[in-house]
Amino acid sequence: MSSKLVANLIVDRVHGHRKTRPTEVVADFFSDYGLTISYDKAWEGVEKAKDMLFGDQSVSCQQLRWYVNAANCTNPGNHIVLDCDHETNCFKKLFVSFKGCIHGFNYCHSLFFFWMTHF
């Protein structure tokens, strides 16, 4: 059995439960279909199902880099910080503060409230 076939059979399960484990897939294939599949095939199937549903992580990280560059080129003065793991191309965090928001924040005034009770 190929990992692509495994992915096609479990894609709905992965969509509903993103943290599907290969050991669960092995057990489900045995209980549902009476088939024994290896852990490696189950793992490859889970990864392919995630790619089918959510896309490749390295492509997503490249698209975020493109967005940051485009936003900075079209609207200079933004403060955008993208943090990706360069070895695995996995997304860590993204901070976006547009120039207009930064500029507008300078005109905000502090408000102080005093609550007094009379005894």
N, C-alpha and C. Protein backbone atom coordinates (compact mmCIF):
# COMPACT_ATOMS: atom_id res chain seq x y z
N MET A 1 0.85 -1.16 0.00
CA MET A 1 0.00 0.00 0.00
C MET A 1 0.90 1.24 0.00
N SER A 2 0.58 2.19 -0.86
CA SER A 2 1.40 3.40 -0.97
C SER A 2 0.97 4.44 0.06
N SER A 3 1.91 5.33 0.36
CA SER A 3 1.59 6.40 1.31
C SER A 3 0.59 7.38 0.72
N LYS A 4 0.54 7.47 -0.60
CA LYS A 4 -0.44 8.35 -1.25
C LYS A 4 -1.86 7.82 -1.04
N LEU A 5 -2.02 6.50 -1.12
CA LEU A 5 -3.33 5.90 -0.87
C LEU A 5 -3.72 6.09 0.60
N VAL A 6 -2.77 5.92 1.49
CA VAL A 6 -3.03 6.15 2.91
C VAL A 6 -3.48 7.60 3.12
N ALA A 7 -2.77 8.54 2.49
CA ALA A 7 -3.12 9.96 2.62
C ALA A 7 -4.53 10.23 2.12
N ASN A 8 -4.89 9.66 1.00
CA ASN A 8 -6.24 9.86 0.45
C ASN A 8 -7.32 9.30 1.38
N LEU A 9 -7.02 8.21 2.07
CA LEU A 9 -8.01 7.60 2.95
C LEU A 9 -8.14 8.34 4.28
N ILE A 10 -7.09 9.03 4.73
CA ILE A 10 -7.13 9.69 6.04
C ILE A 10 -7.24 11.20 5.96
N VAL A 11 -7.36 11.76 4.78
CA VAL A 11 -7.36 13.22 4.63
C VAL A 11 -8.49 13.89 5.42
N ASP A 12 -9.66 13.28 5.46
CA ASP A 12 -10.76 13.86 6.23
C ASP A 12 -10.49 13.83 7.73
N ARG A 13 -9.88 12.74 8.16
CA ARG A 13 -9.53 12.63 9.59
C ARG A 13 -8.49 13.67 9.98
N VAL A 14 -7.49 13.87 9.13
CA VAL A 14 -6.44 14.85 9.41
C VAL A 14 -7.03 16.25 9.41
N HIS A 15 -8.00 16.50 8.54
CA HIS A 15 -8.64 17.82 8.50
C HIS A 15 -9.37 18.11 9.81
N GLY A 16 -10.02 17.12 10.37
CA GLY A 16 -10.75 17.30 11.62
C GLY A 16 -9.86 17.24 12.85
N HIS A 17 -8.75 16.54 12.74
CA HIS A 17 -7.85 16.34 13.89
C HIS A 17 -6.41 16.51 13.38
N ARG A 18 -5.91 17.72 13.47
CA ARG A 18 -4.62 18.06 12.85
C ARG A 18 -3.43 17.37 13.49
N LYS A 19 -3.59 16.88 14.69
CA LYS A 19 -2.48 16.21 15.37
C LYS A 19 -2.62 14.70 15.29
N THR A 20 -3.05 14.20 14.15
CA THR A 20 -3.19 12.76 13.95
C THR A 20 -1.81 12.12 14.00
N ARG A 21 -1.70 11.06 14.77
CA ARG A 21 -0.43 10.37 14.94
C ARG A 21 -0.39 9.12 14.08
N PRO A 22 0.79 8.79 13.58
CA PRO A 22 0.91 7.58 12.75
C PRO A 22 0.48 6.32 13.48
N THR A 23 0.72 6.23 14.79
CA THR A 23 0.30 5.03 15.52
C THR A 23 -1.22 4.89 15.51
N GLU A 24 -1.93 6.02 15.55
CA GLU A 24 -3.40 5.99 15.47
C GLU A 24 -3.84 5.50 14.10
N VAL A 25 -3.12 5.94 13.06
CA VAL A 25 -3.46 5.53 11.70
C VAL A 25 -3.25 4.03 11.53
N VAL A 26 -2.14 3.52 12.06
CA VAL A 26 -1.87 2.07 11.99
C VAL A 26 -3.00 1.30 12.67
N ALA A 27 -3.39 1.73 13.86
CA ALA A 27 -4.47 1.05 14.59
C ALA A 27 -5.80 1.16 13.86
N ASP A 28 -6.10 2.31 13.30
CA ASP A 28 -7.36 2.50 12.57
C ASP A 28 -7.42 1.64 11.31
N PHE A 29 -6.31 1.54 10.59
CA PHE A 29 -6.30 0.71 9.39
C PHE A 29 -6.54 -0.75 9.75
N PHE A 30 -5.99 -1.17 10.87
CA PHE A 30 -6.21 -2.56 11.27
C PHE A 30 -7.65 -2.79 11.70
N SER A 31 -8.21 -1.85 12.49
CA SER A 31 -9.58 -2.05 12.96
C SER A 31 -10.62 -1.80 11.88
N ASP A 32 -10.39 -0.82 10.99
CA ASP A 32 -11.39 -0.48 9.96
C ASP A 32 -11.31 -1.38 8.75
N TYR A 33 -10.08 -1.69 8.31
CA TYR A 33 -9.92 -2.42 7.05
C TYR A 33 -9.30 -3.80 7.23
N GLY A 34 -8.81 -4.11 8.41
CA GLY A 34 -8.15 -5.39 8.63
C GLY A 34 -6.78 -5.44 7.98
N LEU A 35 -6.20 -4.28 7.71
CA LEU A 35 -4.90 -4.20 7.04
C LEU A 35 -3.82 -3.77 8.02
N THR A 36 -2.66 -4.36 7.88
CA THR A 36 -1.51 -3.96 8.68
C THR A 36 -0.59 -3.13 7.80
N ILE A 37 -0.38 -1.87 8.22
CA ILE A 37 0.55 -1.02 7.49
C ILE A 37 1.68 -0.64 8.43
N SER A 38 2.82 -0.32 7.85
CA SER A 38 3.98 0.03 8.67
C SER A 38 3.84 1.44 9.22
N TYR A 39 4.57 1.69 10.29
CA TYR A 39 4.59 3.01 10.89
C TYR A 39 5.09 4.04 9.89
N ASP A 40 6.10 3.67 9.10
CA ASP A 40 6.67 4.60 8.12
C ASP A 40 5.64 5.01 7.07
N LYS A 41 4.86 4.05 6.57
CA LYS A 41 3.82 4.38 5.59
C LYS A 41 2.74 5.26 6.20
N ALA A 42 2.41 4.98 7.45
CA ALA A 42 1.40 5.80 8.13
C ALA A 42 1.93 7.22 8.31
N TRP A 43 3.19 7.36 8.71
CA TRP A 43 3.78 8.69 8.90
C TRP A 43 3.82 9.45 7.58
N GLU A 44 4.28 8.78 6.51
CA GLU A 44 4.31 9.43 5.20
C GLU A 44 2.91 9.82 4.76
N GLY A 45 1.93 8.97 5.03
CA GLY A 45 0.54 9.27 4.67
C GLY A 45 0.01 10.48 5.42
N VAL A 46 0.32 10.58 6.70
CA VAL A 46 -0.12 11.74 7.50
C VAL A 46 0.51 13.01 6.95
N GLU A 47 1.81 12.97 6.65
CA GLU A 47 2.50 14.15 6.12
C GLU A 47 1.94 14.56 4.76
N LYS A 48 1.65 13.59 3.90
CA LYS A 48 1.09 13.92 2.58
C LYS A 48 -0.33 14.46 2.71
N ALA A 49 -1.09 13.94 3.66
CA ALA A 49 -2.45 14.46 3.88
C ALA A 49 -2.39 15.91 4.36
N LYS A 50 -1.44 16.21 5.26
CA LYS A 50 -1.27 17.59 5.73
C LYS A 50 -0.86 18.50 4.58
N ASP A 51 0.02 18.03 3.71
CA ASP A 51 0.42 18.83 2.55
C ASP A 51 -0.76 19.07 1.62
N MET A 52 -1.61 18.05 1.44
CA MET A 52 -2.79 18.21 0.58
C MET A 52 -3.75 19.25 1.16
N LEU A 53 -3.91 19.24 2.47
CA LEU A 53 -4.87 20.13 3.11
C LEU A 53 -4.34 21.53 3.34
N PHE A 54 -3.12 21.62 3.85
CA PHE A 54 -2.61 22.90 4.33
C PHE A 54 -1.47 23.46 3.50
N GLY A 55 -1.00 22.72 2.53
CA GLY A 55 0.11 23.19 1.71
C GLY A 55 1.45 22.90 2.37
N ASP A 56 2.48 23.12 1.61
CA ASP A 56 3.84 22.86 2.08
C ASP A 56 4.30 24.02 2.96
N GLN A 57 4.90 23.71 4.11
CA GLN A 57 5.33 24.75 5.04
C GLN A 57 6.40 25.65 4.45
N SER A 58 7.32 25.08 3.67
CA SER A 58 8.39 25.91 3.11
C SER A 58 7.83 26.90 2.10
N VAL A 59 6.81 26.50 1.34
CA VAL A 59 6.17 27.41 0.39
C VAL A 59 5.44 28.52 1.15
N SER A 60 4.77 28.17 2.24
CA SER A 60 4.06 29.17 3.03
C SER A 60 5.03 30.18 3.62
N CYS A 61 6.18 29.73 4.08
CA CYS A 61 7.17 30.64 4.64
C CYS A 61 7.72 31.57 3.55
N GLN A 62 7.91 31.05 2.35
CA GLN A 62 8.36 31.88 1.23
C GLN A 62 7.30 32.92 0.88
N GLN A 63 6.03 32.56 0.94
CA GLN A 63 4.96 33.50 0.65
C GLN A 63 4.90 34.60 1.70
N LEU A 64 5.16 34.25 2.96
CA LEU A 64 5.20 35.27 4.01
C LEU A 64 6.36 36.23 3.79
N ARG A 65 7.51 35.70 3.37
CA ARG A 65 8.66 36.57 3.07
C ARG A 65 8.31 37.53 1.94
N TRP A 66 7.61 37.03 0.92
CA TRP A 66 7.20 37.88 -0.20
C TRP A 66 6.25 38.97 0.32
N TYR A 67 5.30 38.62 1.18
CA TYR A 67 4.35 39.59 1.72
C TYR A 67 5.08 40.68 2.50
N VAL A 68 6.05 40.31 3.32
CA VAL A 68 6.79 41.29 4.11
C VAL A 68 7.53 42.25 3.17
N ASN A 69 8.18 41.71 2.15
CA ASN A 69 8.89 42.57 1.19
C ASN A 69 7.93 43.48 0.44
N ALA A 70 6.79 42.95 0.00
CA ALA A 70 5.82 43.75 -0.73
C ALA A 70 5.23 44.86 0.16
N ALA A 71 4.92 44.54 1.40
CA ALA A 71 4.36 45.54 2.31
C ALA A 71 5.37 46.64 2.61
N ASN A 72 6.63 46.28 2.76
CA ASN A 72 7.66 47.29 3.03
C ASN A 72 7.96 48.14 1.79
N CYS A 73 7.88 47.56 0.61
CA CYS A 73 8.14 48.32 -0.62
C CYS A 73 7.01 49.29 -0.95
N THR A 74 5.78 48.86 -0.73
CA THR A 74 4.64 49.71 -1.10
C THR A 74 4.28 50.73 -0.03
N ASN A 75 4.70 50.50 1.19
CA ASN A 75 4.38 51.41 2.28
C ASN A 75 5.58 51.50 3.22
N PRO A 76 6.60 52.28 2.84
CA PRO A 76 7.79 52.38 3.70
C PRO A 76 7.44 52.96 5.07
N GLY A 77 8.14 52.52 6.07
CA GLY A 77 7.88 52.98 7.42
C GLY A 77 7.16 51.95 8.27
N ASN A 78 6.75 50.86 7.66
CA ASN A 78 6.13 49.77 8.42
C ASN A 78 7.17 49.14 9.34
N HIS A 79 6.71 48.50 10.36
CA HIS A 79 7.59 47.71 11.22
C HIS A 79 7.07 46.28 11.16
N ILE A 80 7.73 45.45 10.37
CA ILE A 80 7.29 44.07 10.18
C ILE A 80 8.46 43.15 10.49
N VAL A 81 8.22 42.20 11.37
CA VAL A 81 9.25 41.25 11.75
C VAL A 81 8.72 39.84 11.51
N LEU A 82 9.41 39.09 10.65
CA LEU A 82 9.06 37.70 10.37
C LEU A 82 10.15 36.83 10.93
N ASP A 83 9.77 35.84 11.71
CA ASP A 83 10.73 34.91 12.29
C ASP A 83 10.39 33.50 11.83
N CYS A 84 11.28 32.96 10.99
CA CYS A 84 11.15 31.58 10.52
C CYS A 84 12.43 30.83 10.86
N ASP A 85 12.31 29.55 11.11
CA ASP A 85 13.49 28.72 11.31
C ASP A 85 14.11 28.48 9.95
N HIS A 86 15.33 28.95 9.75
CA HIS A 86 15.96 28.88 8.43
C HIS A 86 16.33 27.46 8.03
N GLU A 87 16.56 26.58 9.00
CA GLU A 87 16.92 25.20 8.68
C GLU A 87 15.71 24.41 8.19
N THR A 88 14.58 24.56 8.87
CA THR A 88 13.40 23.77 8.53
C THR A 88 12.35 24.55 7.75
N ASN A 89 12.55 25.87 7.58
CA ASN A 89 11.57 26.74 6.92
C ASN A 89 10.21 26.69 7.62
N CYS A 90 10.22 26.55 8.94
CA CYS A 90 8.97 26.55 9.72
C CYS A 90 8.72 27.94 10.28
N PHE A 91 7.48 28.35 10.23
CA PHE A 91 7.05 29.64 10.74
C PHE A 91 7.11 29.65 12.25
N LYS A 92 7.63 30.75 12.82
CA LYS A 92 7.64 30.92 14.27
C LYS A 92 6.69 32.05 14.67
N LYS A 93 6.93 33.28 14.15
CA LYS A 93 6.07 34.40 14.52
C LYS A 93 6.16 35.50 13.48
N LEU A 94 5.14 36.35 13.47
CA LEU A 94 5.06 37.49 12.57
C LEU A 94 4.46 38.66 13.34
N PHE A 95 5.17 39.79 13.32
CA PHE A 95 4.67 41.01 13.95
C PHE A 95 4.51 42.06 12.86
N VAL A 96 3.34 42.67 12.78
CA VAL A 96 3.05 43.67 11.75
C VAL A 96 2.52 44.93 12.42
N SER A 97 3.16 46.05 12.14
CA SER A 97 2.67 47.35 12.57
C SER A 97 2.83 48.30 11.39
N PHE A 98 1.71 48.71 10.81
CA PHE A 98 1.76 49.56 9.63
C PHE A 98 2.08 51.00 10.02
N LYS A 99 2.69 51.72 9.10
CA LYS A 99 3.13 53.09 9.35
C LYS A 99 1.97 53.96 9.81
N GLY A 100 0.82 53.82 9.18
CA GLY A 100 -0.34 54.63 9.56
C GLY A 100 -0.76 54.40 11.00
N CYS A 101 -0.69 53.18 11.47
CA CYS A 101 -1.03 52.88 12.86
C CYS A 101 0.01 53.46 13.80
N ILE A 102 1.28 53.35 13.42
CA ILE A 102 2.35 53.90 14.26
C ILE A 102 2.18 55.42 14.36
N HIS A 103 1.93 56.06 13.23
CA HIS A 103 1.76 57.51 13.19
C HIS A 103 0.53 57.94 13.99
N GLY A 104 -0.57 57.24 13.84
CA GLY A 104 -1.80 57.57 14.55
C GLY A 104 -1.69 57.39 16.04
N PHE A 105 -0.86 56.45 16.47
CA PHE A 105 -0.70 56.19 17.91
C PHE A 105 -0.05 57.38 18.61
N ASN A 106 0.73 58.18 17.88
CA ASN A 106 1.37 59.36 18.47
C ASN A 106 0.34 60.38 18.96
N TYR A 107 -0.86 60.35 18.42
CA TYR A 107 -1.88 61.33 18.78
C TYR A 107 -2.86 60.80 19.82
N CYS A 108 -2.63 59.63 20.34
CA CYS A 108 -3.48 59.10 21.41
C CYS A 108 -3.10 59.77 22.72
N HIS A 109 -4.07 60.04 23.53
CA HIS A 109 -3.84 60.66 24.82
C HIS A 109 -4.12 59.65 25.94
N SER A 110 -3.32 59.78 26.95
CA SER A 110 -3.53 58.91 28.11
C SER A 110 -4.78 59.36 28.85
N LEU A 111 -5.49 58.42 29.39
CA LEU A 111 -6.68 58.71 30.19
C LEU A 111 -6.44 58.20 31.60
N PHE A 112 -6.72 59.05 32.55
CA PHE A 112 -6.59 58.66 33.94
C PHE A 112 -7.97 58.71 34.57
N PHE A 113 -8.33 57.69 35.29
CA PHE A 113 -9.61 57.64 35.97
C PHE A 113 -9.35 57.49 37.45
N PHE A 114 -10.06 58.28 38.23
CA PHE A 114 -9.98 58.18 39.67
C PHE A 114 -11.34 57.81 40.19
N TRP A 115 -11.39 56.84 41.02
CA TRP A 115 -12.65 56.38 41.58
C TRP A 115 -12.61 56.67 43.07
N MET A 116 -13.48 57.53 43.46
CA MET A 116 -13.50 57.89 44.87
C MET A 116 -14.84 57.50 45.47
N THR A 117 -14.77 56.98 46.64
CA THR A 117 -15.99 56.66 47.35
C THR A 117 -16.08 57.53 48.58
N HIS A 118 -17.27 57.93 48.93
CA HIS A 118 -17.50 58.77 50.10
C HIS A 118 -17.97 57.90 51.26
N PHE A 119 -17.37 58.09 52.36
CA PHE A 119 -17.76 57.29 53.55
C PHE A 119 -18.59 58.12 54.47
